[in-house]
């Protein structure tokens, strides 16, 4: 179950999301002549909670900490932006969403709509 904490001075919100990462099976269409992947495909299991830190998750799954932090940052998107993406309605593209963005939902809407 997720948990949200507000710092005593009200300046920081911390969101804890239990997650587990699993590798997807290798595609039979991918040949070994294509070379190694730079980033293995992963899928999150929000009920797992197997890792205590981002570093543990990245190390266990042999992916970069930078990539994990960029992907996990997407959990901070405003719900209506997530719905737009899932519905295929116009919004920012993935490259823009993977760059640092404000955590305040109103500022996200100003940037991504």
PDB file of N, CA and C in Angstrom:
ATOM      1  N   UNK A   1       0.847  -1.164   0.000  1.00  0.00           N
ATOM      2  CA  UNK A   1       0.000   0.000   0.000  1.00  0.00           C
ATOM      3  C   UNK A   1       0.902   1.240   0.000  1.00  0.00           C
ATOM      4  N   UNK A   2       0.559   2.234  -0.797  1.00  0.00           N
ATOM      5  CA  UNK A   2       1.374   3.436  -0.873  1.00  0.00           C
ATOM      6  C   UNK A   2       1.167   4.289   0.367  1.00  0.00           C
ATOM      7  N   UNK A   3       2.144   5.163   0.605  1.00  0.00           N
ATOM      8  CA  UNK A   3       2.106   6.033   1.767  1.00  0.00           C
ATOM      9  C   UNK A   3       2.627   7.400   1.352  1.00  0.00           C
ATOM     10  N   UNK A   4       2.000   8.454   1.851  1.00  0.00           N
ATOM     11  CA  UNK A   4       2.418   9.820   1.555  1.00  0.00           C
ATOM     12  C   UNK A   4       2.744  10.506   2.874  1.00  0.00           C
ATOM     13  N   UNK A   5       3.917  11.149   2.928  1.00  0.00           N
ATOM     14  CA  UNK A   5       4.324  11.872   4.136  1.00  0.00           C
ATOM     15  C   UNK A   5       4.653  13.310   3.769  1.00  0.00           C
ATOM     16  N   UNK A   6       4.255  14.231   4.624  1.00  0.00           N
ATOM     17  CA  UNK A   6       4.545  15.647   4.469  1.00  0.00           C
ATOM     18  C   UNK A   6       5.571  16.013   5.525  1.00  0.00           C
ATOM     19  N   UNK A   7       6.634  16.736   5.133  1.00  0.00           N
ATOM     20  CA  UNK A   7       7.648  17.137   6.095  1.00  0.00           C
ATOM     21  C   UNK A   7       7.037  18.096   7.119  1.00  0.00           C
ATOM     22  N   UNK A   8       7.626  18.179   8.305  1.00  0.00           N
ATOM     23  CA  UNK A   8       7.074  19.051   9.349  1.00  0.00           C
ATOM     24  C   UNK A   8       6.911  20.505   8.908  1.00  0.00           C
ATOM     25  N   UNK A   9       7.829  20.994   8.067  1.00  0.00           N
ATOM     26  CA  UNK A   9       7.711  22.389   7.630  1.00  0.00           C
ATOM     27  C   UNK A   9       6.820  22.536   6.399  1.00  0.00           C
ATOM     28  N   UNK A  10       6.305  21.424   5.877  1.00  0.00           N
ATOM     29  CA  UNK A  10       5.393  21.465   4.737  1.00  0.00           C
ATOM     30  C   UNK A  10       6.058  21.693   3.391  1.00  0.00           C
ATOM     31  N   UNK A  11       7.388  21.627   3.340  1.00  0.00           N
ATOM     32  CA  UNK A  11       8.094  21.919   2.093  1.00  0.00           C
ATOM     33  C   UNK A  11       8.329  20.688   1.222  1.00  0.00           C
ATOM     34  N   UNK A  12       8.182  19.487   1.787  1.00  0.00           N
ATOM     35  CA  UNK A  12       8.498  18.270   1.045  1.00  0.00           C
ATOM     36  C   UNK A  12       7.402  17.233   1.222  1.00  0.00           C
ATOM     37  N   UNK A  13       7.002  16.638   0.102  1.00  0.00           N
ATOM     38  CA  UNK A  13       6.081  15.510   0.126  1.00  0.00           C
ATOM     39  C   UNK A  13       6.881  14.282  -0.299  1.00  0.00           C
ATOM     40  N   UNK A  14       6.799  13.224   0.479  1.00  0.00           N
ATOM     41  CA  UNK A  14       7.465  11.971   0.146  1.00  0.00           C
ATOM     42  C   UNK A  14       6.396  10.918  -0.112  1.00  0.00           C
ATOM     43  N   UNK A  15       6.489  10.267  -1.269  1.00  0.00           N
ATOM     44  CA  UNK A  15       5.531   9.229  -1.640  1.00  0.00           C
ATOM     45  C   UNK A  15       6.276   7.903  -1.671  1.00  0.00           C
ATOM     46  N   UNK A  16       5.792   6.926  -0.914  1.00  0.00           N
ATOM     47  CA  UNK A  16       6.367   5.587  -0.887  1.00  0.00           C
ATOM     48  C   UNK A  16       5.456   4.667  -1.678  1.00  0.00           C
ATOM     49  N   UNK A  17       6.002   4.029  -2.693  1.00  0.00           N
ATOM     50  CA  UNK A  17       5.242   3.109  -3.530  1.00  0.00           C
ATOM     51  C   UNK A  17       5.940   1.755  -3.516  1.00  0.00           C
ATOM     52  N   UNK A  18       5.319   0.736  -2.945  1.00  0.00           N
ATOM     53  CA  UNK A  18       5.942  -0.585  -2.991  1.00  0.00           C
ATOM     54  C   UNK A  18       5.939  -1.099  -4.426  1.00  0.00           C
ATOM     55  N   UNK A  19       7.092  -1.549  -4.890  1.00  0.00           N
ATOM     56  CA  UNK A  19       7.206  -2.019  -6.273  1.00  0.00           C
ATOM     57  C   UNK A  19       8.143  -3.214  -6.347  1.00  0.00           C
ATOM     58  N   UNK A  20       7.924  -4.015  -7.328  1.00  0.00           N
ATOM     59  CA  UNK A  20       8.831  -5.109  -7.663  1.00  0.00           C
ATOM     60  C   UNK A  20       9.012  -5.081  -9.173  1.00  0.00           C
ATOM     61  N   UNK A  21      10.195  -5.403  -9.637  1.00  0.00           N
ATOM     62  CA  UNK A  21      10.489  -5.384 -11.070  1.00  0.00           C
ATOM     63  C   UNK A  21      10.725  -6.805 -11.532  1.00  0.00           C
ATOM     64  N   UNK A  22      10.169  -7.105 -12.690  1.00  0.00           N
ATOM     65  CA  UNK A  22      10.367  -8.424 -13.286  1.00  0.00           C
ATOM     66  C   UNK A  22      10.846  -8.239 -14.720  1.00  0.00           C
ATOM     67  N   UNK A  23      11.733  -9.093 -15.129  1.00  0.00           N
ATOM     68  CA  UNK A  23      12.184  -9.054 -16.520  1.00  0.00           C
ATOM     69  C   UNK A  23      11.143  -9.740 -17.396  1.00  0.00           C
ATOM     70  N   UNK A  24      10.966  -9.208 -18.574  1.00  0.00           N
ATOM     71  CA  UNK A  24      10.095  -9.853 -19.551  1.00  0.00           C
ATOM     72  C   UNK A  24      10.906 -10.929 -20.268  1.00  0.00           C
ATOM     73  N   UNK A  25      10.239 -11.968 -20.753  1.00  0.00           N
ATOM     74  CA  UNK A  25      10.967 -12.995 -21.498  1.00  0.00           C
ATOM     75  C   UNK A  25      11.595 -12.397 -22.754  1.00  0.00           C
ATOM     76  N   UNK A  26      12.748 -12.918 -23.124  1.00  0.00           N
ATOM     77  CA  UNK A  26      13.427 -12.441 -24.326  1.00  0.00           C
ATOM     78  C   UNK A  26      12.581 -12.778 -25.554  1.00  0.00           C
ATOM     79  N   UNK A  27      12.476 -11.821 -26.451  1.00  0.00           N
ATOM     80  CA  UNK A  27      11.682 -12.012 -27.655  1.00  0.00           C
ATOM     81  C   UNK A  27      12.369 -13.009 -28.576  1.00  0.00           C
ATOM     82  N   UNK A  28      11.638 -13.983 -29.125  1.00  0.00           N
ATOM     83  CA  UNK A  28      12.262 -14.946 -30.038  1.00  0.00           C
ATOM     84  C   UNK A  28      12.744 -14.279 -31.330  1.00  0.00           C
ATOM     85  N   UNK A  29      12.182 -13.128 -31.677  1.00  0.00           N
ATOM     86  CA  UNK A  29      12.573 -12.441 -32.908  1.00  0.00           C
ATOM     87  C   UNK A  29      13.919 -11.743 -32.763  1.00  0.00           C
ATOM     88  N   UNK A  30      14.388 -11.553 -31.553  1.00  0.00           N
ATOM     89  CA  UNK A  30      15.647 -10.846 -31.316  1.00  0.00           C
ATOM     90  C   UNK A  30      16.804 -11.840 -31.421  1.00  0.00           C
ATOM     91  N   UNK A  31      17.695 -11.592 -32.329  1.00  0.00           N
ATOM     92  CA  UNK A  31      18.829 -12.502 -32.488  1.00  0.00           C
ATOM     93  C   UNK A  31      20.021 -11.981 -31.704  1.00  0.00           C
ATOM     94  N   UNK A  32      20.953 -12.869 -31.399  1.00  0.00           N
ATOM     95  CA  UNK A  32      22.141 -12.468 -30.644  1.00  0.00           C
ATOM     96  C   UNK A  32      23.034 -11.551 -31.462  1.00  0.00           C
ATOM     97  N   UNK A  33      22.871 -11.506 -32.786  1.00  0.00           N
ATOM     98  CA  UNK A  33      23.702 -10.637 -33.617  1.00  0.00           C
ATOM     99  C   UNK A  33      23.350  -9.164 -33.439  1.00  0.00           C
ATOM    100  N   UNK A  34      22.214  -8.884 -32.798  1.00  0.00           N
ATOM    101  CA  UNK A  34      21.828  -7.500 -32.579  1.00  0.00           C
ATOM    102  C   UNK A  34      22.567  -6.868 -31.409  1.00  0.00           C
ATOM    103  N   UNK A  35      23.331  -7.645 -30.665  1.00  0.00           N
ATOM    104  CA  UNK A  35      24.091  -7.108 -29.545  1.00  0.00           C
ATOM    105  C   UNK A  35      23.244  -7.002 -28.292  1.00  0.00           C
ATOM    106  N   UNK A  36      23.907  -6.652 -27.189  1.00  0.00           N
ATOM    107  CA  UNK A  36      23.188  -6.573 -25.923  1.00  0.00           C
ATOM    108  C   UNK A  36      22.282  -5.345 -25.861  1.00  0.00           C
ATOM    109  N   UNK A  37      21.229  -5.465 -25.099  1.00  0.00           N
ATOM    110  CA  UNK A  37      20.352  -4.319 -24.874  1.00  0.00           C
ATOM    111  C   UNK A  37      21.065  -3.350 -23.936  1.00  0.00           C
ATOM    112  N   UNK A  38      20.841  -2.070 -24.153  1.00  0.00           N
ATOM    113  CA  UNK A  38      21.404  -1.097 -23.221  1.00  0.00           C
ATOM    114  C   UNK A  38      20.535  -0.981 -21.983  1.00  0.00           C
ATOM    115  N   UNK A  39      19.266  -1.345 -22.096  1.00  0.00           N
ATOM    116  CA  UNK A  39      18.333  -1.245 -20.982  1.00  0.00           C
ATOM    117  C   UNK A  39      17.334  -2.384 -21.107  1.00  0.00           C
ATOM    118  N   UNK A  40      17.370  -3.371 -20.203  1.00  0.00           N
ATOM    119  CA  UNK A  40      16.440  -4.486 -20.325  1.00  0.00           C
ATOM    120  C   UNK A  40      15.008  -4.044 -20.060  1.00  0.00           C
ATOM    121  N   UNK A  41      14.033  -4.662 -20.725  1.00  0.00           N
ATOM    122  CA  UNK A  41      12.643  -4.314 -20.453  1.00  0.00           C
ATOM    123  C   UNK A  41      12.241  -4.799 -19.071  1.00  0.00           C
ATOM    124  N   UNK A  42      11.517  -3.983 -18.341  1.00  0.00           N
ATOM    125  CA  UNK A  42      11.051  -4.367 -17.008  1.00  0.00           C
ATOM    126  C   UNK A  42       9.591  -4.001 -16.861  1.00  0.00           C
ATOM    127  N   UNK A  43       8.923  -4.642 -15.931  1.00  0.00           N
ATOM    128  CA  UNK A  43       7.540  -4.318 -15.616  1.00  0.00           C
ATOM    129  C   UNK A  43       7.417  -4.173 -14.111  1.00  0.00           C
ATOM    130  N   UNK A  44       6.680  -3.184 -13.645  1.00  0.00           N
ATOM    131  CA  UNK A  44       6.540  -2.949 -12.208  1.00  0.00           C
ATOM    132  C   UNK A  44       5.368  -3.726 -11.645  1.00  0.00           C
ATOM    133  N   UNK A  45       5.546  -4.255 -10.463  1.00  0.00           N
ATOM    134  CA  UNK A  45       4.468  -4.896  -9.725  1.00  0.00           C
ATOM    135  C   UNK A  45       4.256  -4.053  -8.476  1.00  0.00           C
ATOM    136  N   UNK A  46       3.218  -3.224  -8.466  1.00  0.00           N
ATOM    137  CA  UNK A  46       3.013  -2.252  -7.394  1.00  0.00           C
ATOM    138  C   UNK A  46       2.761  -2.886  -6.038  1.00  0.00           C
ATOM    139  N   UNK A  47       2.529  -4.172  -5.965  1.00  0.00           N
ATOM    140  CA  UNK A  47       2.255  -4.794  -4.674  1.00  0.00           C
ATOM    141  C   UNK A  47       3.460  -5.456  -4.040  1.00  0.00           C
ATOM    142  N   UNK A  48       4.617  -5.458  -4.709  1.00  0.00           N
ATOM    143  CA  UNK A  48       5.755  -6.235  -4.259  1.00  0.00           C
ATOM    144  C   UNK A  48       6.507  -5.695  -3.075  1.00  0.00           C
ATOM    145  N   UNK A  49       7.041  -4.501  -3.175  1.00  0.00           N
ATOM    146  CA  UNK A  49       7.810  -3.912  -2.098  1.00  0.00           C
ATOM    147  C   UNK A  49       9.086  -4.664  -1.785  1.00  0.00           C
ATOM    148  N   UNK A  50       9.758  -5.217  -2.793  1.00  0.00           N
ATOM    149  CA  UNK A  50      10.949  -6.035  -2.555  1.00  0.00           C
ATOM    150  C   UNK A  50      12.203  -5.222  -2.304  1.00  0.00           C
ATOM    151  N   UNK A  51      12.251  -3.956  -2.699  1.00  0.00           N
ATOM    152  CA  UNK A  51      13.467  -3.160  -2.604  1.00  0.00           C
ATOM    153  C   UNK A  51      13.277  -1.991  -1.654  1.00  0.00           C
ATOM    154  N   UNK A  52      14.311  -1.750  -0.846  1.00  0.00           N
ATOM    155  CA  UNK A  52      14.241  -0.660   0.111  1.00  0.00           C
ATOM    156  C   UNK A  52      14.627   0.678  -0.484  1.00  0.00           C
ATOM    157  N   UNK A  53      15.465   0.660  -1.515  1.00  0.00           N
ATOM    158  CA  UNK A  53      15.925   1.907  -2.121  1.00  0.00           C
ATOM    159  C   UNK A  53      15.951   1.779  -3.642  1.00  0.00           C
ATOM    160  N   UNK A  54      16.011   2.922  -4.283  1.00  0.00           N
ATOM    161  CA  UNK A  54      16.135   2.964  -5.736  1.00  0.00           C
ATOM    162  C   UNK A  54      17.426   2.257  -6.172  1.00  0.00           C
ATOM    163  N   UNK A  55      18.496   2.472  -5.419  1.00  0.00           N
ATOM    164  CA  UNK A  55      19.781   1.844  -5.748  1.00  0.00           C
ATOM    165  C   UNK A  55      19.686   0.319  -5.685  1.00  0.00           C
ATOM    166  N   UNK A  56      19.004  -0.217  -4.663  1.00  0.00           N
ATOM    167  CA  UNK A  56      18.832  -1.661  -4.562  1.00  0.00           C
ATOM    168  C   UNK A  56      18.059  -2.204  -5.757  1.00  0.00           C
ATOM    169  N   UNK A  57      17.017  -1.490  -6.152  1.00  0.00           N
ATOM    170  CA  UNK A  57      16.207  -1.909  -7.282  1.00  0.00           C
ATOM    171  C   UNK A  57      17.045  -1.930  -8.563  1.00  0.00           C
ATOM    172  N   UNK A  58      17.777  -0.863  -8.795  1.00  0.00           N
ATOM    173  CA  UNK A  58      18.592  -0.767 -10.008  1.00  0.00           C
ATOM    174  C   UNK A  58      19.672  -1.847 -10.037  1.00  0.00           C
ATOM    175  N   UNK A  59      20.347  -2.034  -8.920  1.00  0.00           N
ATOM    176  CA  UNK A  59      21.413  -3.040  -8.859  1.00  0.00           C
ATOM    177  C   UNK A  59      20.868  -4.454  -9.044  1.00  0.00           C
ATOM    178  N   UNK A  60      19.748  -4.749  -8.391  1.00  0.00           N
ATOM    179  CA  UNK A  60      19.173  -6.094  -8.489  1.00  0.00           C
ATOM    180  C   UNK A  60      18.715  -6.406  -9.914  1.00  0.00           C
ATOM    181  N   UNK A  61      18.220  -5.403 -10.612  1.00  0.00           N
ATOM    182  CA  UNK A  61      17.703  -5.617 -11.969  1.00  0.00           C
ATOM    183  C   UNK A  61      18.738  -5.318 -13.052  1.00  0.00           C
ATOM    184  N   UNK A  62      19.931  -4.928 -12.622  1.00  0.00           N
ATOM    185  CA  UNK A  62      21.045  -4.619 -13.536  1.00  0.00           C
ATOM    186  C   UNK A  62      20.641  -3.560 -14.565  1.00  0.00           C
ATOM    187  N   UNK A  63      20.000  -2.517 -14.085  1.00  0.00           N
ATOM    188  CA  UNK A  63      19.682  -1.357 -14.920  1.00  0.00           C
ATOM    189  C   UNK A  63      20.213  -0.125 -14.208  1.00  0.00           C
ATOM    190  N   UNK A  64      20.392   0.953 -14.954  1.00  0.00           N
ATOM    191  CA  UNK A  64      21.006   2.130 -14.348  1.00  0.00           C
ATOM    192  C   UNK A  64      20.068   2.803 -13.358  1.00  0.00           C
ATOM    193  N   UNK A  65      20.663   3.373 -12.330  1.00  0.00           N
ATOM    194  CA  UNK A  65      19.884   4.102 -11.325  1.00  0.00           C
ATOM    195  C   UNK A  65      19.196   5.303 -11.963  1.00  0.00           C
ATOM    196  N   UNK A  66      19.862   5.894 -12.925  1.00  0.00           N
ATOM    197  CA  UNK A  66      19.287   7.044 -13.627  1.00  0.00           C
ATOM    198  C   UNK A  66      17.994   6.652 -14.332  1.00  0.00           C
ATOM    199  N   UNK A  67      18.007   5.517 -15.018  1.00  0.00           N
ATOM    200  CA  UNK A  67      16.814   5.050 -15.739  1.00  0.00           C
ATOM    201  C   UNK A  67      15.671   4.760 -14.756  1.00  0.00           C
ATOM    202  N   UNK A  68      15.985   4.080 -13.650  1.00  0.00           N
ATOM    203  CA  UNK A  68      14.956   3.776 -12.659  1.00  0.00           C
ATOM    204  C   UNK A  68      14.342   5.065 -12.131  1.00  0.00           C
ATOM    205  N   UNK A  69      15.166   6.053 -11.816  1.00  0.00           N
ATOM    206  CA  UNK A  69      14.627   7.296 -11.263  1.00  0.00           C
ATOM    207  C   UNK A  69      13.777   8.040 -12.286  1.00  0.00           C
ATOM    208  N   UNK A  70      14.169   7.997 -13.566  1.00  0.00           N
ATOM    209  CA  UNK A  70      13.356   8.665 -14.597  1.00  0.00           C
ATOM    210  C   UNK A  70      12.004   7.989 -14.762  1.00  0.00           C
ATOM    211  N   UNK A  71      11.985   6.667 -14.723  1.00  0.00           N
ATOM    212  CA  UNK A  71      10.732   5.942 -14.891  1.00  0.00           C
ATOM    213  C   UNK A  71       9.843   6.096 -13.653  1.00  0.00           C
ATOM    214  N   UNK A  72      10.416   5.988 -12.467  1.00  0.00           N
ATOM    215  CA  UNK A  72       9.620   6.125 -11.250  1.00  0.00           C
ATOM    216  C   UNK A  72       9.052   7.532 -11.105  1.00  0.00           C
ATOM    217  N   UNK A  73       9.738   8.509 -11.656  1.00  0.00           N
ATOM    218  CA  UNK A  73       9.240   9.887 -11.602  1.00  0.00           C
ATOM    219  C   UNK A  73       7.871   9.997 -12.287  1.00  0.00           C
ATOM    220  N   UNK A  74       7.595   9.126 -13.238  1.00  0.00           N
ATOM    221  CA  UNK A  74       6.303   9.153 -13.929  1.00  0.00           C
ATOM    222  C   UNK A  74       5.141   8.878 -12.982  1.00  0.00           C
ATOM    223  N   UNK A  75       5.409   8.262 -11.821  1.00  0.00           N
ATOM    224  CA  UNK A  75       4.335   8.024 -10.855  1.00  0.00           C
ATOM    225  C   UNK A  75       3.836   9.325 -10.241  1.00  0.00           C
ATOM    226  N   UNK A  76       4.562  10.414 -10.439  1.00  0.00           N
ATOM    227  CA  UNK A  76       4.169  11.713  -9.887  1.00  0.00           C
ATOM    228  C   UNK A  76       3.300  12.523 -10.834  1.00  0.00           C
ATOM    229  N   UNK A  77       3.018  11.978 -12.018  1.00  0.00           N
ATOM    230  CA  UNK A  77       2.180  12.719 -12.971  1.00  0.00           C
ATOM    231  C   UNK A  77       0.754  12.884 -12.447  1.00  0.00           C
ATOM    232  N   UNK A  78       0.167  14.015 -12.765  1.00  0.00           N
ATOM    233  CA  UNK A  78      -1.231  14.277 -12.401  1.00  0.00           C
ATOM    234  C   UNK A  78      -2.120  13.197 -13.017  1.00  0.00           C
ATOM    235  N   UNK A  79      -3.123  12.745 -12.293  1.00  0.00           N
ATOM    236  CA  UNK A  79      -3.992  11.673 -12.806  1.00  0.00           C
ATOM    237  C   UNK A  79      -4.621  11.984 -14.163  1.00  0.00           C
ATOM    238  N   UNK A  80      -5.004  13.232 -14.399  1.00  0.00           N
ATOM    239  CA  UNK A  80      -5.634  13.558 -15.685  1.00  0.00           C
ATOM    240  C   UNK A  80      -4.626  13.488 -16.834  1.00  0.00           C
ATOM    241  N   UNK A  81      -3.358  13.749 -16.553  1.00  0.00           N
ATOM    242  CA  UNK A  81      -2.326  13.616 -17.595  1.00  0.00           C
ATOM    243  C   UNK A  81      -2.134  12.137 -17.922  1.00  0.00           C
ATOM    244  N   UNK A  82      -2.112  11.291 -16.891  1.00  0.00           N
ATOM    245  CA  UNK A  82      -1.995   9.845 -17.107  1.00  0.00           C
ATOM    246  C   UNK A  82      -3.172   9.348 -17.946  1.00  0.00           C
ATOM    247  N   UNK A  83      -4.375   9.808 -17.624  1.00  0.00           N
ATOM    248  CA  UNK A  83      -5.551   9.402 -18.394  1.00  0.00           C
ATOM    249  C   UNK A  83      -5.437   9.834 -19.853  1.00  0.00           C
ATOM    250  N   UNK A  84      -4.959  11.050 -20.096  1.00  0.00           N
ATOM    251  CA  UNK A  84      -4.785  11.529 -21.476  1.00  0.00           C
ATOM    252  C   UNK A  84      -3.819  10.621 -22.233  1.00  0.00           C
ATOM    253  N   UNK A  85      -2.730  10.247 -21.578  1.00  0.00           N
ATOM    254  CA  UNK A  85      -1.735   9.384 -22.216  1.00  0.00           C
ATOM    255  C   UNK A  85      -2.362   8.025 -22.549  1.00  0.00           C
ATOM    256  N   UNK A  86      -3.047   7.429 -21.563  1.00  0.00           N
ATOM    257  CA  UNK A  86      -3.643   6.107 -21.766  1.00  0.00           C
ATOM    258  C   UNK A  86      -4.762   6.124 -22.798  1.00  0.00           C
ATOM    259  N   UNK A  87      -5.467   7.251 -22.901  1.00  0.00           N
ATOM    260  CA  UNK A  87      -6.547   7.384 -23.890  1.00  0.00           C
ATOM    261  C   UNK A  87      -6.033   7.763 -25.273  1.00  0.00           C
ATOM    262  N   UNK A  88      -4.728   8.075 -25.375  1.00  0.00           N
ATOM    263  CA  UNK A  88      -4.154   8.452 -26.657  1.00  0.00           C
ATOM    264  C   UNK A  88      -4.457   9.883 -27.069  1.00  0.00           C
ATOM    265  N   UNK A  89      -4.906  10.692 -26.111  1.00  0.00           N
ATOM    266  CA  UNK A  89      -5.185  12.096 -26.419  1.00  0.00           C
ATOM    267  C   UNK A  89      -3.879  12.883 -26.424  1.00  0.00           C
ATOM    268  N   UNK A  90      -3.859  14.024 -27.109  1.00  0.00           N
ATOM    269  CA  UNK A  90      -2.617  14.804 -27.218  1.00  0.00           C
ATOM    270  C   UNK A  90      -2.080  15.260 -25.861  1.00  0.00           C
ATOM    271  N   UNK A  91      -0.814  15.041 -25.667  1.00  0.00           N
ATOM    272  CA  UNK A  91      -0.067  15.520 -24.507  1.00  0.00           C
ATOM    273  C   UNK A  91       1.407  15.452 -24.878  1.00  0.00           C
ATOM    274  N   UNK A  92       2.267  15.714 -23.937  1.00  0.00           N
ATOM    275  CA  UNK A  92       3.706  15.660 -24.206  1.00  0.00           C
ATOM    276  C   UNK A  92       4.105  14.239 -24.589  1.00  0.00           C
ATOM    277  N   UNK A  93       5.146  14.125 -25.385  1.00  0.00           N
ATOM    278  CA  UNK A  93       5.668  12.819 -25.756  1.00  0.00           C
ATOM    279  C   UNK A  93       6.563  12.258 -24.672  1.00  0.00           C
ATOM    280  N   UNK A  94       6.919  10.986 -24.791  1.00  0.00           N
ATOM    281  CA  UNK A  94       7.732  10.320 -23.788  1.00  0.00           C
ATOM    282  C   UNK A  94       9.070  11.024 -23.539  1.00  0.00           C
ATOM    283  N   UNK A  95       9.780  11.488 -24.568  1.00  0.00           N
ATOM    284  CA  UNK A  95      11.045  12.179 -24.278  1.00  0.00           C
ATOM    285  C   UNK A  95      10.858  13.380 -23.341  1.00  0.00           C
ATOM    286  N   UNK A  96       9.780  14.124 -23.540  1.00  0.00           N
ATOM    287  CA  UNK A  96       9.506  15.274 -22.667  1.00  0.00           C
ATOM    288  C   UNK A  96       9.136  14.811 -21.259  1.00  0.00           C
ATOM    289  N   UNK A  97       8.366  13.726 -21.160  1.00  0.00           N
ATOM    290  CA  UNK A  97       7.952  13.220 -19.850  1.00  0.00           C
ATOM    291  C   UNK A  97       9.112  12.627 -19.060  1.00  0.00           C
ATOM    292  N   UNK A  98      10.157  12.173 -19.744  1.00  0.00           N
ATOM    293  CA  UNK A  98      11.300  11.595 -19.048  1.00  0.00           C
ATOM    294  C   UNK A  98      12.276  12.645 -18.541  1.00  0.00           C
ATOM    295  N   UNK A  99      12.116  13.885 -18.965  1.00  0.00           N
ATOM    296  CA  UNK A  99      12.938  14.975 -18.419  1.00  0.00           C
ATOM    297  C   UNK A  99      12.351  15.384 -17.075  1.00  0.00           C
ATOM    298  N   UNK A 100      13.168  15.989 -16.203  1.00  0.00           N
ATOM    299  CA  UNK A 100      12.623  16.457 -14.918  1.00  0.00           C
ATOM    300  C   UNK A 100      11.430  17.397 -15.141  1.00  0.00           C
ATOM    301  N   UNK A 101      10.403  17.223 -14.328  1.00  0.00           N
ATOM    302  CA  UNK A 101       9.214  18.067 -14.427  1.00  0.00           C
ATOM    303  C   UNK A 101       8.735  18.419 -13.025  1.00  0.00           C
ATOM    304  N   UNK A 102       7.923  19.470 -12.904  1.00  0.00           N
ATOM    305  CA  UNK A 102       7.451  19.879 -11.574  1.00  0.00           C
ATOM    306  C   UNK A 102       6.519  18.831 -10.971  1.00  0.00           C
ATOM    307  N   UNK A 103       6.556  18.707  -9.644  1.00  0.00           N
ATOM    308  CA  UNK A 103       5.673  17.748  -8.993  1.00  0.00           C
ATOM    309  C   UNK A 103       4.277  18.330  -8.768  1.00  0.00           C
ATOM    310  N   UNK A 104       4.159  19.644  -8.838  1.00  0.00           N
ATOM    311  CA  UNK A 104       2.849  20.270  -8.655  1.00  0.00           C
ATOM    312  C   UNK A 104       2.007  20.007  -9.895  1.00  0.00           C
ATOM    313  N   UNK A 105       0.834  19.431  -9.702  1.00  0.00           N
ATOM    314  CA  UNK A 105      -0.003  19.022 -10.825  1.00  0.00           C
ATOM    315  C   UNK A 105      -0.405  20.199 -11.713  1.00  0.00           C
ATOM    316  N   UNK A 106      -0.678  21.341 -11.129  1.00  0.00           N
ATOM    317  CA  UNK A 106      -1.078  22.494 -11.942  1.00  0.00           C
ATOM    318  C   UNK A 106       0.061  22.933 -12.866  1.00  0.00           C
ATOM    319  N   UNK A 107       1.272  22.923 -12.360  1.00  0.00           N
ATOM    320  CA  UNK A 107       2.433  23.281 -13.201  1.00  0.00           C
ATOM    321  C   UNK A 107       2.670  22.220 -14.279  1.00  0.00           C
ATOM    322  N   UNK A 108       2.376  20.959 -13.978  1.00  0.00           N
ATOM    323  CA  UNK A 108       2.488  19.901 -14.984  1.00  0.00           C
ATOM    324  C   UNK A 108       1.502  20.164 -16.114  1.00  0.00           C
ATOM    325  N   UNK A 109       0.284  20.527 -15.751  1.00  0.00           N
ATOM    326  CA  UNK A 109      -0.734  20.798 -16.770  1.00  0.00           C
ATOM    327  C   UNK A 109      -0.308  21.956 -17.664  1.00  0.00           C
ATOM    328  N   UNK A 110       0.281  22.992 -17.087  1.00  0.00           N
ATOM    329  CA  UNK A 110       0.752  24.132 -17.875  1.00  0.00           C
ATOM    330  C   UNK A 110       1.842  23.680 -18.857  1.00  0.00           C
ATOM    331  N   UNK A 111       2.665  22.758 -18.427  1.00  0.00           N
ATOM    332  CA  UNK A 111       3.795  22.323 -19.257  1.00  0.00           C
ATOM    333  C   UNK A 111       3.415  21.283 -20.305  1.00  0.00           C
ATOM    334  N   UNK A 112       2.539  20.330 -19.946  1.00  0.00           N
ATOM    335  CA  UNK A 112       2.282  19.192 -20.827  1.00  0.00           C
ATOM    336  C   UNK A 112       1.044  19.296 -21.694  1.00  0.00           C
ATOM    337  N   UNK A 113       0.163  20.238 -21.443  1.00  0.00           N
ATOM    338  CA  UNK A 113      -1.032  20.362 -22.295  1.00  0.00           C
ATOM    339  C   UNK A 113      -0.741  21.237 -23.487  1.00  0.00           C
TER     340      UNK A 113
END
